Amino acid sequence: MPLPKVRPGLVFRYEYVWKRQSLTGRDVGEKDRPVCCVAVAVSTIDGSQRILIVPITTQPPDPSVPALEIPMAVKSHLGLDGDRRSWIILNEANVDSWPTPDMRQVPGKPGCFEYGVLPLKMVNMIWETVFPELAAKRLGVVTRDEEDAPPRPTGWGPE
């Protein structure tokens, strides 16, 4: 099965590094988790593609952390932990190249790396929270590839 085409709202399995882990010097995630790609078509000088990735967690976020709960119907459609609540955390992100070497196969689905795509309404909600924070340099960014700077939103947005 080929690697998934990168697109807004793509949910795939990834070795995410939390900002708090990065601050202690870790550059490897504690576990593979479903994550959401929220930005694509961010180009570097050499023309390669970089993506902005926000984490999905089953741990209830602190009330001070901006997060978007994934409705159970969406979780079911994607095949995520059916009976547990999940949130997309919106105050931090990983930046990585695409395709990323830290992408992992979906458990129980050899050769499959993606769960599916979030509904456009959710992608828009993520976009509206994350990109102003990124532009204002308030988003907790962990750069995972060899590039030095986080991506800048340049003309891409939900359609």
Protein backbone atom coordinates (compact mmCIF):
# COMPACT_ATOMS: atom_id res chain seq x y z
CA MET A 1 0.00 0.00 0.00
CA PRO A 2 1.49 3.40 -0.92
CA LEU A 3 2.09 6.17 1.58
CA PRO A 4 -0.93 8.45 2.02
CA LYS A 5 -1.22 11.65 0.03
CA VAL A 6 -0.67 14.55 2.42
CA ARG A 7 -3.78 16.71 2.79
CA PRO A 8 -5.48 18.90 5.40
CA GLY A 9 -7.00 16.87 8.21
CA LEU A 10 -5.11 13.66 7.40
CA VAL A 11 -4.99 11.45 10.50
CA PHE A 12 -2.00 9.12 10.49
CA ARG A 13 0.19 7.23 12.95
CA TYR A 14 3.34 9.09 14.01
CA GLU A 15 6.05 9.21 16.65
CA TYR A 16 5.04 12.59 18.10
CA VAL A 17 7.44 14.51 20.38
CA TRP A 18 5.65 16.73 22.91
CA LYS A 19 7.08 20.21 23.49
CA ARG A 20 7.74 19.32 27.16
CA GLN A 21 9.82 16.32 26.00
CA SER A 22 11.76 18.44 23.54
CA LEU A 23 12.62 20.95 26.28
CA THR A 24 14.30 18.12 28.22
CA GLY A 25 16.38 17.15 25.18
CA ARG A 26 14.29 14.26 23.88
CA ASP A 27 14.02 13.94 20.13
CA VAL A 28 12.12 10.65 20.08
CA GLY A 29 8.48 10.30 21.12
CA GLU A 30 7.37 8.16 24.05
CA LYS A 31 4.95 6.24 21.82
CA ASP A 32 3.43 6.20 18.39
CA ARG A 33 0.03 7.90 18.29
CA PRO A 34 -2.60 9.02 15.84
CA VAL A 35 -1.94 12.62 14.85
CA CYS A 36 -3.49 15.12 12.52
CA CYS A 37 -1.78 16.94 9.69
CA VAL A 38 -3.19 20.45 9.55
CA ALA A 39 -0.99 22.20 7.00
CA VAL A 40 0.45 21.17 3.71
CA ALA A 41 2.10 22.84 0.74
CA VAL A 42 4.63 24.56 2.92
CA SER A 43 7.72 24.70 0.78
CA THR A 44 11.35 25.09 1.74
CA ILE A 45 14.03 26.75 -0.37
CA ASP A 46 14.88 23.44 -2.04
CA GLY A 47 11.20 22.81 -2.88
CA SER A 48 10.67 19.96 -0.43
CA GLN A 49 7.43 19.73 1.48
CA ARG A 50 7.03 20.23 5.24
CA ILE A 51 3.95 19.66 7.36
CA LEU A 52 2.56 20.88 10.65
CA ILE A 53 1.33 18.02 12.87
CA VAL A 54 -0.87 18.37 15.97
CA PRO A 55 -1.27 15.50 18.44
CA ILE A 56 -4.34 13.49 19.30
CA THR A 57 -4.63 12.20 22.85
CA THR A 58 -7.08 10.24 25.00
CA GLN A 59 -5.88 12.10 28.10
CA PRO A 60 -8.29 14.91 29.02
CA PRO A 61 -6.46 18.20 28.50
CA ASP A 62 -6.11 20.80 31.22
CA PRO A 63 -8.89 23.40 30.85
CA SER A 64 -6.24 26.01 30.00
CA VAL A 65 -5.07 24.03 26.95
CA PRO A 66 -6.90 24.74 23.69
CA ALA A 67 -8.22 21.44 22.39
CA LEU A 68 -10.89 20.09 20.07
CA GLU A 69 -12.74 16.95 21.11
CA ILE A 70 -13.21 14.42 18.33
CA PRO A 71 -16.86 13.36 18.15
CA MET A 72 -17.43 9.63 18.72
CA ALA A 73 -18.96 9.26 15.24
CA VAL A 74 -15.76 10.66 13.68
CA LYS A 75 -13.58 8.44 15.88
CA SER A 76 -15.62 5.41 14.85
CA HIS A 77 -15.35 6.33 11.17
CA LEU A 78 -11.57 6.70 11.48
CA GLY A 79 -11.17 3.52 13.54
CA LEU A 80 -9.69 5.28 16.59
CA ASP A 81 -10.03 3.97 20.21
CA GLY A 82 -13.78 3.40 19.93
CA ASP A 83 -15.05 3.92 23.47
CA ARG A 84 -12.52 6.46 24.79
CA ARG A 85 -12.81 10.21 24.32
CA SER A 86 -10.04 11.89 22.30
CA TRP A 87 -8.86 15.46 21.82
CA ILE A 88 -6.74 17.26 19.26
CA ILE A 89 -4.31 19.47 21.19
CA LEU A 90 -4.03 22.92 19.61
CA ASN A 91 -1.24 24.70 21.48
CA GLU A 92 1.72 22.76 20.10
CA ALA A 93 2.84 20.96 16.97
CA ASN A 94 5.65 19.03 15.35
CA VAL A 95 7.07 20.22 12.04
CA ASP A 96 8.40 17.50 9.79
CA SER A 97 9.26 16.72 6.20
CA TRP A 98 6.85 14.74 4.03
CA PRO A 99 6.94 11.87 3.81
CA THR A 100 8.28 11.61 7.32
CA PRO A 101 10.43 8.71 8.50
CA ASP A 102 8.53 8.92 11.82
CA MET A 103 5.25 7.79 10.27
CA ARG A 104 4.14 4.34 11.48
CA GLN A 105 1.77 1.65 10.26
CA VAL A 106 -1.72 1.52 11.74
CA PRO A 107 -1.81 -1.40 14.21
CA GLY A 108 -3.43 -4.47 12.68
CA LYS A 109 -3.30 -3.02 9.14
CA PRO A 110 0.02 -3.97 7.52
CA GLY A 111 1.12 -1.40 4.96
CA CYS A 112 -1.52 1.13 6.01
CA PHE A 113 -0.31 4.43 7.48
CA GLU A 114 -3.50 6.50 7.62
CA TYR A 115 -6.75 6.37 9.52
CA GLY A 116 -8.53 8.77 7.18
CA VAL A 117 -9.37 12.46 7.01
CA LEU A 118 -11.21 14.68 9.49
CA PRO A 119 -14.39 16.42 8.36
CA LEU A 120 -13.79 19.84 6.80
CA LYS A 121 -15.62 21.57 9.66
CA MET A 122 -13.07 20.17 12.15
CA VAL A 123 -10.14 21.05 9.87
CA ASN A 124 -11.43 24.63 9.72
CA MET A 125 -11.71 24.78 13.53
CA ILE A 126 -8.12 23.53 13.89
CA TRP A 127 -6.94 26.01 11.28
CA GLU A 128 -8.64 28.94 13.04
CA THR A 129 -6.88 28.15 16.32
CA VAL A 130 -3.44 26.94 15.24
CA PHE A 131 -2.41 29.33 12.50
CA PRO A 132 -2.88 32.62 14.37
CA GLU A 133 -0.74 31.11 17.16
CA LEU A 134 1.88 29.98 14.65
CA ALA A 135 1.95 33.40 12.97
CA ALA A 136 2.31 35.11 16.38
CA LYS A 137 5.08 32.65 17.35
CA ARG A 138 3.11 31.43 20.37
CA LEU A 139 2.63 27.85 19.14
CA GLY A 140 4.91 25.34 20.88
CA VAL A 141 6.74 23.99 17.83
CA VAL A 142 9.10 21.01 17.83
CA THR A 143 11.07 20.80 14.59
CA ARG A 144 11.63 17.15 13.67
CA ASP A 145 13.41 17.42 10.33
CA GLU A 146 16.66 19.04 9.32
CA GLU A 147 15.16 22.46 8.63
CA ASP A 148 15.72 25.21 11.18
CA ALA A 149 12.54 27.24 11.00
CA PRO A 150 8.91 26.26 11.44
CA PRO A 151 6.72 26.59 8.38
CA ARG A 152 4.84 29.77 7.64
CA PRO A 153 1.30 29.55 6.29
CA THR A 154 1.69 30.77 2.72
CA GLY A 155 -1.58 30.80 0.89
CA TRP A 156 -2.82 27.40 1.95
CA GLY A 157 -6.05 27.08 3.83
CA PRO A 158 -9.08 24.87 4.08
CA GLU A 159 -11.28 25.05 1.02
